[in-house]
């Protein structure tokens, strides 16, 4: 494993395009010890979800990634979207900028969504001192877009330490700062499943043969999709639909401190044009939305890994039964903890640098709780 202190460490990493590469040692590199780990999550997210606010929770979780992007600008950094929050790594010199952006987002979450966004920061060196490691790899989606893959247990330990001692690690203070969330888009309706259900799946292997077991799990899933695991992608071009102008306006006004600002006026103009393009359909000589929309599936993060396997996949009822039985057998053998949550739809939150190929990424989760509800089952297994 190569160790670097370069702020471009992650940006320079080579990527792989076969998801089974998450089990290959050669794809992983040790994160610099002088970097920081940032954990953003919604307090009492389960309660908020049960009260029907999962899309709000999802939006703020994705917004934390966009806010970090604002702080680091052109710098590529590794992150993972977890449904009710996000975790990312950054070079230490960017910490003050990141804190400023996330404090501004914390105010948006409080005022616009009535959600308490908790943000904690811990040094990678502290995690190393505790005997853990953080290794990262890059799984390529399309163009220049990649999904960060984490292993080593360090990210999980960081999240545990921050949540256990939030007062020690939380960013302090409140500021009035206008967070630029123009690159965040939540304008697509829930996407109906093609095969009947969407499955949000979490799997954490319990022993030293973890990579071998994860490889076997992926082999089993591939078998259930007749060798084409990509067919499990829940982003369904044929069944996708854009929200109305009123729905977009109602949702996105909460991302601004004032609807009378110049920034919000620009946002409304953007919404109006987007509705014309994606819902009504501008003449193709003006803009053809089909290449962008049809590329969403290859730009989606429906499968990822951060010390556990996370997937949102389109399944038939039979496939869900077979997956459940397979994982339950592994659980009884003491090899895995797992959590599952089914829904009729998947939901998509978009991070859009631009409409061209490779300039957008789409965070995928199951409707009505997704990963957060699957985590309840997994945590129950871990505490039994």
Protein backbone atom coordinates (compact mmCIF):
# COMPACT_ATOMS: atom_id res chain seq x y z
CA UNK A 1 0.00 0.00 0.00
CA UNK A 2 1.34 3.45 -0.93
CA UNK A 3 1.04 6.22 1.64
CA UNK A 4 0.87 9.87 0.58
CA UNK A 5 0.43 13.28 2.19
CA UNK A 6 -0.44 14.94 -1.12
CA UNK A 7 -3.75 16.83 -1.21
CA UNK A 8 -4.24 15.34 -4.67
CA UNK A 9 -3.77 11.82 -3.25
CA UNK A 10 -7.30 10.65 -4.10
CA UNK A 11 -7.47 12.56 -7.37
CA UNK A 12 -4.40 10.71 -8.64
CA UNK A 13 -5.58 7.21 -7.73
CA UNK A 14 -6.22 4.81 -10.62
CA UNK A 15 -9.79 3.53 -10.87
CA UNK A 16 -11.31 0.14 -11.68
CA UNK A 17 -14.59 -0.53 -13.48
CA UNK A 18 -15.55 -4.04 -12.32
CA UNK A 19 -17.39 -3.80 -8.98
CA UNK A 20 -15.81 -7.06 -7.83
CA UNK A 21 -12.63 -5.01 -7.66
CA UNK A 22 -13.73 -4.06 -4.14
CA UNK A 23 -12.29 -7.44 -3.09
CA UNK A 24 -8.87 -6.89 -4.74
CA UNK A 25 -6.03 -5.65 -2.52
CA UNK A 26 -4.19 -3.95 -5.38
CA UNK A 27 -7.00 -1.42 -5.82
CA UNK A 28 -6.62 0.01 -2.29
CA UNK A 29 -4.32 2.72 -0.96
CA UNK A 30 -3.78 3.97 2.59
CA UNK A 31 -5.28 7.39 3.30
CA UNK A 32 -2.79 10.10 4.41
CA UNK A 33 -2.58 10.36 8.20
CA UNK A 34 -2.78 14.17 8.08
CA UNK A 35 -6.24 14.16 6.46
CA UNK A 36 -9.53 14.55 8.31
CA UNK A 37 -12.71 12.48 8.41
CA UNK A 38 -16.01 14.38 8.36
CA UNK A 39 -19.24 12.69 9.41
CA UNK A 40 -22.59 14.38 8.75
CA UNK A 41 -25.81 12.74 9.88
CA UNK A 42 -29.34 13.63 10.90
CA UNK A 43 -30.17 13.33 14.60
CA UNK A 44 -33.17 11.07 15.20
CA UNK A 45 -33.31 10.26 11.49
CA UNK A 46 -35.33 7.08 12.13
CA UNK A 47 -38.06 9.10 13.83
CA UNK A 48 -38.05 11.63 10.99
CA UNK A 49 -38.36 8.80 8.46
CA UNK A 50 -41.26 7.26 10.36
CA UNK A 51 -42.93 10.68 10.21
CA UNK A 52 -42.70 10.64 6.42
CA UNK A 53 -39.66 12.92 6.06
CA UNK A 54 -37.26 10.48 4.43
CA UNK A 55 -36.84 12.51 1.25
CA UNK A 56 -35.94 15.52 3.41
CA UNK A 57 -33.39 13.44 5.31
CA UNK A 58 -32.03 12.18 2.00
CA UNK A 59 -31.76 15.69 0.58
CA UNK A 60 -29.76 17.07 3.50
CA UNK A 61 -27.46 14.04 3.45
CA UNK A 62 -26.66 14.66 -0.22
CA UNK A 63 -26.41 18.42 0.39
CA UNK A 64 -23.53 17.82 2.80
CA UNK A 65 -21.51 16.35 -0.09
CA UNK A 66 -22.33 19.32 -2.33
CA UNK A 67 -21.35 21.68 0.50
CA UNK A 68 -18.00 19.91 0.90
CA UNK A 69 -17.51 20.18 -2.86
CA UNK A 70 -18.06 23.95 -2.57
CA UNK A 71 -15.39 24.13 0.12
CA UNK A 72 -12.80 22.19 -1.88
CA UNK A 73 -13.83 23.46 -5.30
CA UNK A 74 -11.83 21.68 -8.02
CA UNK A 75 -10.34 19.10 -5.65
CA UNK A 76 -11.67 15.57 -6.02
CA UNK A 77 -12.29 13.96 -2.62
CA UNK A 78 -13.62 10.57 -1.45
CA UNK A 79 -17.08 10.36 0.08
CA UNK A 80 -19.93 7.94 0.64
CA UNK A 81 -23.64 8.78 0.72
CA UNK A 82 -25.48 6.78 3.37
CA UNK A 83 -29.10 7.87 2.94
CA UNK A 84 -29.47 9.76 6.22
CA UNK A 85 -26.04 11.36 6.01
CA UNK A 86 -22.62 11.22 4.41
CA UNK A 87 -19.00 10.64 5.36
CA UNK A 88 -16.00 12.04 3.53
CA UNK A 89 -12.27 12.61 3.76
CA UNK A 90 -10.41 15.84 3.11
CA UNK A 91 -6.92 17.35 3.42
CA UNK A 92 -6.55 19.12 6.78
CA UNK A 93 -5.94 22.61 5.28
CA UNK A 94 -9.53 22.63 3.95
CA UNK A 95 -11.09 22.11 7.39
CA UNK A 96 -12.06 25.75 8.05
CA UNK A 97 -13.72 26.08 4.63
CA UNK A 98 -15.59 22.81 5.16
CA UNK A 99 -16.78 23.90 8.61
CA UNK A 100 -18.07 27.18 7.18
CA UNK A 101 -20.07 25.46 4.45
CA UNK A 102 -21.49 22.78 6.75
CA UNK A 103 -22.45 25.32 9.42
CA UNK A 104 -24.42 27.13 6.74
CA UNK A 105 -26.06 23.86 5.71
CA UNK A 106 -26.86 23.08 9.35
CA UNK A 107 -28.89 26.30 9.45
CA UNK A 108 -30.72 25.36 6.25
CA UNK A 109 -31.54 21.94 7.72
CA UNK A 110 -32.86 23.55 10.90
CA UNK A 111 -34.84 26.40 9.35
CA UNK A 112 -36.05 24.83 6.13
CA UNK A 113 -36.49 21.17 7.10
CA UNK A 114 -36.75 21.12 10.90
CA UNK A 115 -33.87 18.64 11.02
CA UNK A 116 -30.80 18.64 13.26
CA UNK A 117 -27.72 18.03 11.10
CA UNK A 118 -24.87 16.79 13.29
CA UNK A 119 -21.35 17.30 11.97
CA UNK A 120 -18.22 15.84 13.53
CA UNK A 121 -14.58 15.96 12.45
CA UNK A 122 -11.76 13.66 13.53
CA UNK A 123 -8.15 13.29 12.39
CA UNK A 124 -7.16 10.20 10.44
CA UNK A 125 -4.07 10.07 12.67
CA UNK A 126 -6.29 9.55 15.72
CA UNK A 127 -7.98 6.58 14.06
CA UNK A 128 -4.56 5.13 13.21
CA UNK A 129 -3.44 5.64 16.82
CA UNK A 130 -6.45 3.60 17.92
CA UNK A 131 -5.14 0.68 15.87
CA UNK A 132 -7.39 0.97 12.83
CA UNK A 133 -6.69 1.78 9.19
CA UNK A 134 -8.49 3.52 6.34
CA UNK A 135 -7.88 2.33 2.81
CA UNK A 136 -9.61 3.78 -0.23
CA UNK A 137 -10.14 2.74 -3.84
CA UNK A 138 -11.99 4.29 -6.80
CA UNK A 139 -14.79 2.49 -8.59
CA UNK A 140 -15.32 4.21 -11.93
CA UNK A 141 -18.88 5.01 -13.03
CA UNK A 142 -18.64 7.07 -16.21
CA UNK A 143 -16.46 9.84 -17.57
CA UNK A 144 -14.47 11.25 -14.67
CA UNK A 145 -17.03 10.25 -12.03
CA UNK A 146 -16.09 7.59 -9.51
CA UNK A 147 -17.43 6.22 -6.24
CA UNK A 148 -15.05 5.94 -3.29
CA UNK A 149 -14.67 2.48 -1.77
CA UNK A 150 -13.47 2.27 1.85
CA UNK A 151 -12.15 -0.63 3.90
CA UNK A 152 -10.01 -1.24 6.98
CA UNK A 153 -12.58 -0.39 9.64
CA UNK A 154 -11.34 3.15 10.18
CA UNK A 155 -14.37 4.91 8.72
CA UNK A 156 -16.73 2.88 10.91
CA UNK A 157 -14.60 3.61 13.97
CA UNK A 158 -14.59 7.32 13.17
CA UNK A 159 -18.38 7.39 12.91
CA UNK A 160 -18.69 5.46 16.19
CA UNK A 161 -16.30 7.78 18.07
CA UNK A 162 -17.96 10.94 16.76
CA UNK A 163 -21.48 9.78 17.64
CA UNK A 164 -20.37 8.54 21.08
CA UNK A 165 -18.47 11.75 21.94
CA UNK A 166 -20.21 14.32 19.77
CA UNK A 167 -19.42 17.19 22.12
CA UNK A 168 -15.70 16.52 21.64
CA UNK A 169 -15.73 16.26 17.85
CA UNK A 170 -18.69 18.39 16.73
CA UNK A 171 -18.10 21.64 14.89
CA UNK A 172 -19.18 24.48 17.13
CA UNK A 173 -20.99 27.75 16.55
CA UNK A 174 -23.60 29.11 14.15
CA UNK A 175 -23.02 31.44 11.23
CA UNK A 176 -25.04 33.20 8.59
CA UNK A 177 -23.60 31.85 5.40
CA UNK A 178 -25.39 31.44 2.08
CA UNK A 179 -24.65 27.88 0.94
CA UNK A 180 -24.63 27.50 -2.83
CA UNK A 181 -26.66 24.37 -3.56
CA UNK A 182 -27.22 24.94 -7.28
CA UNK A 183 -25.49 21.64 -8.04
CA UNK A 184 -27.96 19.74 -5.85
CA UNK A 185 -31.08 18.58 -7.67
CA UNK A 186 -34.00 16.63 -6.20
CA UNK A 187 -36.52 17.04 -9.01
CA UNK A 188 -37.31 13.48 -10.05
CA UNK A 189 -40.28 11.57 -8.73
CA UNK A 190 -39.73 8.22 -7.02
CA UNK A 191 -38.78 5.62 -9.63
CA UNK A 192 -41.06 2.54 -9.77
CA UNK A 193 -39.35 -0.84 -9.66
CA UNK A 194 -39.22 -2.80 -12.92
CA UNK A 195 -39.36 -6.23 -11.32
CA UNK A 196 -41.80 -5.44 -8.52
CA UNK A 197 -39.66 -4.23 -5.59
CA UNK A 198 -36.55 -2.29 -4.72
CA UNK A 199 -34.30 -3.81 -2.09
CA UNK A 200 -32.02 -1.71 0.14
CA UNK A 201 -29.33 -4.09 1.31
CA UNK A 202 -26.54 -3.79 3.89
CA UNK A 203 -24.06 -6.62 4.54
CA UNK A 204 -21.17 -6.54 7.03
CA UNK A 205 -18.83 -9.54 7.11
CA UNK A 206 -17.75 -10.62 10.59
CA UNK A 207 -14.43 -12.44 10.16
CA UNK A 208 -10.91 -12.21 8.70
CA UNK A 209 -11.99 -13.81 5.42
CA UNK A 210 -14.13 -10.78 4.66
CA UNK A 211 -13.00 -10.13 1.08
CA UNK A 212 -13.53 -13.77 0.13
CA UNK A 213 -17.05 -13.72 1.61
CA UNK A 214 -17.93 -10.44 -0.09
CA UNK A 215 -16.73 -11.92 -3.38
CA UNK A 216 -18.99 -14.93 -2.82
CA UNK A 217 -21.95 -12.66 -2.06
CA UNK A 218 -21.39 -10.72 -5.29
CA UNK A 219 -21.10 -14.02 -7.18
CA UNK A 220 -24.45 -15.10 -5.75
CA UNK A 221 -26.12 -11.83 -6.71
CA UNK A 222 -24.65 -12.06 -10.20
CA UNK A 223 -26.03 -15.59 -10.49
CA UNK A 224 -29.51 -14.35 -9.57
CA UNK A 225 -29.27 -11.80 -12.39
CA UNK A 226 -27.99 -14.41 -14.86
CA UNK A 227 -24.50 -12.94 -15.02
CA UNK A 228 -25.62 -9.33 -15.47
CA UNK A 229 -25.60 -7.64 -12.07
CA UNK A 230 -25.91 -4.29 -13.89
CA UNK A 231 -29.54 -5.29 -14.55
CA UNK A 232 -30.17 -4.75 -10.83
CA UNK A 233 -29.72 -1.00 -11.33
CA UNK A 234 -32.99 0.60 -10.18
CA UNK A 235 -32.63 3.72 -12.36
CA UNK A 236 -35.31 3.03 -14.94
CA UNK A 237 -35.33 5.44 -17.89
CA UNK A 238 -38.75 4.24 -19.11
CA UNK A 239 -40.52 4.82 -15.79
CA UNK A 240 -38.80 8.02 -14.65
CA UNK A 241 -40.83 11.23 -14.43
CA UNK A 242 -39.97 14.83 -13.59
CA UNK A 243 -41.75 16.79 -10.90
CA UNK A 244 -44.01 19.72 -11.72
CA UNK A 245 -42.82 23.31 -11.46
CA UNK A 246 -44.92 23.77 -8.29
CA UNK A 247 -43.43 20.66 -6.66
CA UNK A 248 -39.90 21.78 -7.49
CA UNK A 249 -40.57 25.31 -6.21
CA UNK A 250 -42.10 24.02 -2.98
CA UNK A 251 -39.21 21.64 -2.29
CA UNK A 252 -36.31 23.85 -3.26
CA UNK A 253 -37.37 27.11 -1.62
CA UNK A 254 -36.35 25.49 1.67
CA UNK A 255 -32.74 25.37 0.45
CA UNK A 256 -32.61 29.20 0.60
CA UNK A 257 -32.76 31.56 3.54
CA UNK A 258 -34.88 33.99 1.52
CA UNK A 259 -37.08 33.54 -1.54
CA UNK A 260 -36.49 37.21 -2.40
CA UNK A 261 -32.77 36.80 -2.99
CA UNK A 262 -31.02 37.03 -6.34
CA UNK A 263 -29.75 33.48 -5.83
CA UNK A 264 -33.28 32.14 -5.42
CA UNK A 265 -34.48 34.00 -8.51
CA UNK A 266 -31.71 32.27 -10.49
CA UNK A 267 -32.78 28.97 -8.96
CA UNK A 268 -36.39 29.48 -10.03
CA UNK A 269 -35.24 30.33 -13.56
CA UNK A 270 -33.23 27.12 -13.60
CA UNK A 271 -36.23 25.12 -12.35
CA UNK A 272 -38.45 26.61 -15.07
CA UNK A 273 -35.98 25.67 -17.81
CA UNK A 274 -35.50 22.18 -16.31
CA UNK A 275 -39.26 21.53 -16.27
CA UNK A 276 -39.45 22.62 -19.91
CA UNK A 277 -36.58 20.28 -20.81
CA UNK A 278 -37.38 17.17 -18.80
CA UNK A 279 -41.14 17.23 -18.23
CA UNK A 280 -42.63 19.11 -21.17
CA UNK A 281 -39.80 18.65 -23.68
CA UNK A 282 -38.11 21.54 -25.44
CA UNK A 283 -37.53 21.20 -29.19
CA UNK A 284 -34.47 18.97 -29.67
CA UNK A 285 -32.68 21.69 -31.59
CA UNK A 286 -32.70 23.68 -28.32
CA UNK A 287 -31.71 20.81 -25.98
CA UNK A 288 -32.10 17.07 -26.23
CA UNK A 289 -32.55 15.70 -22.67
CA UNK A 290 -32.54 12.03 -23.72
CA UNK A 291 -28.71 11.51 -23.68
CA UNK A 292 -28.52 13.01 -20.18
CA UNK A 293 -31.49 11.06 -18.77
CA UNK A 294 -30.45 7.79 -20.37
CA UNK A 295 -26.95 8.15 -18.88
CA UNK A 296 -28.28 8.47 -15.33
CA UNK A 297 -28.14 4.72 -14.79
CA UNK A 298 -24.40 4.57 -15.56
CA UNK A 299 -23.83 7.60 -13.30
CA UNK A 300 -25.66 6.19 -10.27
CA UNK A 301 -24.21 4.91 -6.99
CA UNK A 302 -26.69 2.08 -6.45
CA UNK A 303 -23.81 -0.15 -5.26
CA UNK A 304 -20.99 0.92 -2.97
CA UNK A 305 -18.79 -0.22 -0.11
CA UNK A 306 -17.60 1.45 3.10
CA UNK A 307 -16.61 -1.28 5.55
CA UNK A 308 -19.86 -2.93 4.47
CA UNK A 309 -21.65 -3.66 1.21
CA UNK A 310 -24.44 -1.18 0.42
CA UNK A 311 -26.78 -1.75 -2.51
CA UNK A 312 -30.17 -0.55 -3.71
CA UNK A 313 -31.29 -3.05 -6.34
CA UNK A 314 -34.36 -3.77 -8.44
CA UNK A 315 -35.65 -7.26 -7.57
CA UNK A 316 -38.48 -9.67 -8.20
CA UNK A 317 -40.17 -11.11 -5.08
CA UNK A 318 -38.46 -14.45 -5.84
CA UNK A 319 -35.04 -12.80 -6.00
CA UNK A 320 -35.66 -11.11 -2.65
CA UNK A 321 -36.60 -14.43 -1.07
CA UNK A 322 -33.45 -16.08 -2.44
CA UNK A 323 -31.22 -13.21 -1.27
CA UNK A 324 -32.82 -13.29 2.17
CA UNK A 325 -32.33 -17.05 2.51
CA UNK A 326 -28.73 -16.88 1.31
CA UNK A 327 -27.82 -14.11 3.78
CA UNK A 328 -29.69 -15.73 6.64
CA UNK A 329 -27.65 -18.90 6.11
CA UNK A 330 -24.45 -16.85 6.26
CA UNK A 331 -25.72 -15.09 9.39
CA UNK A 332 -26.46 -18.41 11.14
CA UNK A 333 -22.90 -19.51 10.33
CA UNK A 334 -21.62 -16.39 12.09
CA UNK A 335 -20.18 -14.92 8.90
CA UNK A 336 -22.30 -11.79 8.33
CA UNK A 337 -24.67 -9.26 9.78
CA UNK A 338 -27.18 -7.93 7.30
CA UNK A 339 -30.18 -5.63 6.92
CA UNK A 340 -32.87 -5.50 4.24
CA UNK A 341 -35.67 -3.07 3.46
CA UNK A 342 -38.08 -3.37 0.53
CA UNK A 343 -40.08 -0.64 -1.17
CA UNK A 344 -42.02 -0.13 -4.38
CA UNK A 345 -39.72 2.66 -5.58
CA UNK A 346 -36.21 4.00 -5.45
CA UNK A 347 -35.44 7.67 -4.88
CA UNK A 348 -32.72 9.67 -6.57
CA UNK A 349 -30.89 12.82 -5.49
CA UNK A 350 -28.62 14.39 -8.09
CA UNK A 351 -25.25 16.14 -7.84
CA UNK A 352 -24.90 17.91 -11.18
CA UNK A 353 -21.70 19.70 -12.24
CA UNK A 354 -23.03 19.80 -15.79
CA UNK A 355 -25.32 17.95 -18.19
CA UNK A 356 -22.57 16.42 -20.30
CA UNK A 357 -21.41 12.80 -19.87
CA UNK A 358 -19.27 12.37 -16.76
CA UNK A 359 -20.36 15.61 -15.07
CA UNK A 360 -23.17 14.28 -12.91
CA UNK A 361 -23.68 11.62 -10.25
CA UNK A 362 -26.95 10.31 -8.79
CA UNK A 363 -27.34 9.08 -5.22
CA UNK A 364 -29.76 6.16 -5.03
CA UNK A 365 -31.71 4.82 -2.06
CA UNK A 366 -34.90 2.90 -1.45
CA UNK A 367 -38.10 4.78 -0.77
CA UNK A 368 -39.66 4.99 2.71
CA UNK A 369 -36.46 4.51 4.64
CA UNK A 370 -34.07 2.58 2.42
CA UNK A 371 -30.65 2.21 3.99
CA UNK A 372 -31.70 3.76 7.30
CA UNK A 373 -34.40 1.13 7.85
CA UNK A 374 -32.13 -1.69 6.67
CA UNK A 375 -29.61 -0.48 9.25
CA UNK A 376 -32.16 -1.10 12.02
CA UNK A 377 -32.20 -4.82 11.21
CA UNK A 378 -28.42 -4.97 10.95
CA UNK A 379 -27.94 -3.20 14.30
CA UNK A 380 -30.44 -5.54 15.95
CA UNK A 381 -28.35 -8.51 14.78
CA UNK A 382 -25.16 -6.89 16.03
CA UNK A 383 -26.57 -6.39 19.54
CA UNK A 384 -28.14 -9.84 19.97
